[in-house]
N, C-alpha and C. Protein backbone atom coordinates (compact mmCIF):
# COMPACT_ATOMS: atom_id res chain seq x y z
N UNK A 1 0.85 -1.18 0.00
CA UNK A 1 0.00 0.00 0.00
C UNK A 1 0.89 1.24 0.00
N UNK A 2 0.58 2.16 -0.84
CA UNK A 2 1.36 3.39 -0.94
C UNK A 2 0.84 4.42 0.04
N UNK A 3 1.76 4.98 0.82
CA UNK A 3 1.39 5.99 1.79
C UNK A 3 2.33 7.17 1.68
N UNK A 4 1.79 8.35 1.97
CA UNK A 4 2.59 9.57 2.00
C UNK A 4 2.29 10.27 3.31
N UNK A 5 3.33 10.52 4.09
CA UNK A 5 3.17 11.22 5.36
C UNK A 5 3.43 12.69 5.10
N UNK A 6 2.49 13.50 5.50
CA UNK A 6 2.58 14.94 5.29
C UNK A 6 3.53 15.56 6.31
N UNK A 7 4.52 16.30 5.83
CA UNK A 7 5.47 16.96 6.72
C UNK A 7 4.83 18.17 7.40
N UNK A 8 5.54 18.77 8.34
CA UNK A 8 4.98 19.89 9.09
C UNK A 8 4.67 21.08 8.20
N UNK A 9 5.62 21.51 7.41
CA UNK A 9 5.42 22.69 6.57
C UNK A 9 5.22 22.32 5.11
N UNK A 10 4.74 21.12 4.86
CA UNK A 10 4.57 20.66 3.49
C UNK A 10 3.15 20.92 3.02
N UNK A 11 3.03 21.38 1.81
CA UNK A 11 1.71 21.64 1.25
C UNK A 11 1.07 20.38 0.70
N UNK A 12 -0.23 20.45 0.52
CA UNK A 12 -0.98 19.32 -0.02
C UNK A 12 -0.53 19.01 -1.45
N UNK A 13 -0.22 20.04 -2.21
CA UNK A 13 0.16 19.85 -3.61
C UNK A 13 1.42 19.01 -3.74
N UNK A 14 2.41 19.30 -2.92
CA UNK A 14 3.67 18.54 -3.01
C UNK A 14 3.47 17.11 -2.52
N UNK A 15 2.63 16.92 -1.50
CA UNK A 15 2.35 15.57 -1.01
C UNK A 15 1.60 14.77 -2.07
N UNK A 16 0.66 15.42 -2.74
CA UNK A 16 -0.08 14.75 -3.81
C UNK A 16 0.84 14.38 -4.95
N UNK A 17 1.78 15.25 -5.27
CA UNK A 17 2.76 14.97 -6.32
C UNK A 17 3.61 13.75 -5.95
N UNK A 18 4.06 13.70 -4.69
CA UNK A 18 4.84 12.55 -4.23
C UNK A 18 4.02 11.27 -4.28
N UNK A 19 2.74 11.36 -3.89
CA UNK A 19 1.86 10.19 -3.92
C UNK A 19 1.69 9.68 -5.35
N UNK A 20 1.43 10.58 -6.28
CA UNK A 20 1.26 10.19 -7.68
C UNK A 20 2.52 9.52 -8.22
N UNK A 21 3.68 10.06 -7.85
CA UNK A 21 4.95 9.49 -8.30
C UNK A 21 5.14 8.08 -7.75
N UNK A 22 4.80 7.88 -6.48
CA UNK A 22 4.94 6.56 -5.87
C UNK A 22 3.98 5.56 -6.49
N UNK A 23 2.76 6.00 -6.78
CA UNK A 23 1.77 5.11 -7.40
C UNK A 23 2.22 4.69 -8.79
N UNK A 24 2.73 5.64 -9.57
CA UNK A 24 3.17 5.29 -10.92
C UNK A 24 4.41 4.40 -10.88
N UNK A 25 5.29 4.63 -9.92
CA UNK A 25 6.49 3.81 -9.79
C UNK A 25 6.14 2.38 -9.38
N UNK A 26 5.13 2.23 -8.54
CA UNK A 26 4.72 0.91 -8.07
C UNK A 26 3.92 0.16 -9.12
N UNK A 27 3.41 0.85 -10.13
CA UNK A 27 2.66 0.19 -11.20
C UNK A 27 1.24 -0.17 -10.80
N UNK A 28 0.69 0.54 -9.86
CA UNK A 28 -0.65 0.23 -9.36
C UNK A 28 -1.71 0.51 -10.42
N UNK A 29 -1.61 1.64 -11.11
CA UNK A 29 -2.61 1.98 -12.12
C UNK A 29 -2.58 1.01 -13.29
N UNK A 30 -1.40 0.54 -13.66
CA UNK A 30 -1.30 -0.42 -14.75
C UNK A 30 -2.03 -1.71 -14.39
N UNK A 31 -1.89 -2.15 -13.13
CA UNK A 31 -2.58 -3.35 -12.69
C UNK A 31 -4.09 -3.15 -12.70
N UNK A 32 -4.54 -2.01 -12.25
CA UNK A 32 -5.98 -1.73 -12.21
C UNK A 32 -6.55 -1.73 -13.63
N UNK A 33 -5.85 -1.10 -14.55
CA UNK A 33 -6.33 -1.06 -15.93
C UNK A 33 -6.34 -2.45 -16.55
N UNK A 34 -5.34 -3.26 -16.21
CA UNK A 34 -5.26 -4.60 -16.80
C UNK A 34 -6.39 -5.50 -16.29
N UNK A 35 -6.76 -5.37 -15.03
CA UNK A 35 -7.79 -6.24 -14.47
C UNK A 35 -9.20 -5.65 -14.56
N UNK A 36 -9.35 -4.53 -15.22
CA UNK A 36 -10.66 -3.90 -15.32
C UNK A 36 -11.62 -4.75 -16.15
N UNK A 37 -11.14 -5.37 -17.22
CA UNK A 37 -11.96 -6.21 -18.10
C UNK A 37 -11.35 -7.60 -18.17
N UNK A 38 -12.19 -8.56 -18.54
CA UNK A 38 -11.70 -9.92 -18.71
C UNK A 38 -10.77 -9.97 -19.90
N UNK A 39 -9.66 -10.65 -19.74
CA UNK A 39 -8.68 -10.77 -20.81
C UNK A 39 -8.69 -12.21 -21.32
N UNK A 40 -8.97 -12.37 -22.60
CA UNK A 40 -9.01 -13.71 -23.18
C UNK A 40 -7.59 -14.27 -23.24
N UNK A 41 -7.47 -15.58 -23.35
CA UNK A 41 -6.13 -16.17 -23.45
C UNK A 41 -5.33 -15.63 -24.63
N UNK A 42 -6.00 -15.35 -25.75
CA UNK A 42 -5.31 -14.80 -26.91
C UNK A 42 -4.76 -13.41 -26.61
N UNK A 43 -5.56 -12.58 -25.95
CA UNK A 43 -5.10 -11.23 -25.60
C UNK A 43 -3.94 -11.30 -24.61
N UNK A 44 -4.01 -12.24 -23.68
CA UNK A 44 -2.94 -12.41 -22.70
C UNK A 44 -1.64 -12.80 -23.40
N UNK A 45 -1.75 -13.72 -24.37
CA UNK A 45 -0.58 -14.17 -25.11
C UNK A 45 0.03 -13.02 -25.91
N UNK A 46 -0.82 -12.23 -26.56
CA UNK A 46 -0.33 -11.08 -27.33
C UNK A 46 0.38 -10.08 -26.43
N UNK A 47 -0.21 -9.81 -25.26
CA UNK A 47 0.38 -8.85 -24.33
C UNK A 47 1.75 -9.33 -23.87
N UNK A 48 1.86 -10.62 -23.58
CA UNK A 48 3.14 -11.16 -23.14
C UNK A 48 4.18 -11.13 -24.26
N UNK A 49 3.76 -11.41 -25.49
CA UNK A 49 4.69 -11.36 -26.62
C UNK A 49 5.21 -9.94 -26.84
N UNK A 50 4.32 -8.98 -26.75
CA UNK A 50 4.72 -7.57 -26.92
C UNK A 50 5.69 -7.16 -25.81
N UNK A 51 5.40 -7.59 -24.58
CA UNK A 51 6.29 -7.26 -23.46
C UNK A 51 7.66 -7.90 -23.65
N UNK A 52 7.68 -9.13 -24.16
CA UNK A 52 8.95 -9.81 -24.39
C UNK A 52 9.75 -9.10 -25.48
N UNK A 53 9.06 -8.68 -26.54
CA UNK A 53 9.74 -7.93 -27.61
C UNK A 53 10.32 -6.63 -27.07
N UNK A 54 9.53 -5.94 -26.27
CA UNK A 54 9.97 -4.67 -25.69
C UNK A 54 11.18 -4.89 -24.78
N UNK A 55 11.14 -5.98 -24.02
CA UNK A 55 12.23 -6.28 -23.10
C UNK A 55 13.52 -6.60 -23.87
N UNK A 56 13.40 -7.40 -24.94
CA UNK A 56 14.57 -7.74 -25.76
C UNK A 56 15.14 -6.50 -26.44
N UNK A 57 14.28 -5.61 -26.84
CA UNK A 57 14.71 -4.42 -27.57
C UNK A 57 15.54 -3.48 -26.70
N UNK A 58 15.19 -3.38 -25.43
CA UNK A 58 15.88 -2.44 -24.55
C UNK A 58 17.02 -3.07 -23.76
N UNK A 59 17.34 -4.32 -24.02
CA UNK A 59 18.47 -4.93 -23.31
C UNK A 59 19.74 -4.71 -24.05
């Protein structure tokens, strides 16, 4: 679970910015989007192939 503790003289805007950064770094939104709809086995296979291609390309 992502948490942000507000400092004494810290504004809400900076805390919200830190929270958004932590959420994107943890990949929480990507998981939520992926599980929003049912994914057929074919779609799952395509997604994994694309991820493997992307991984090979950047190594």
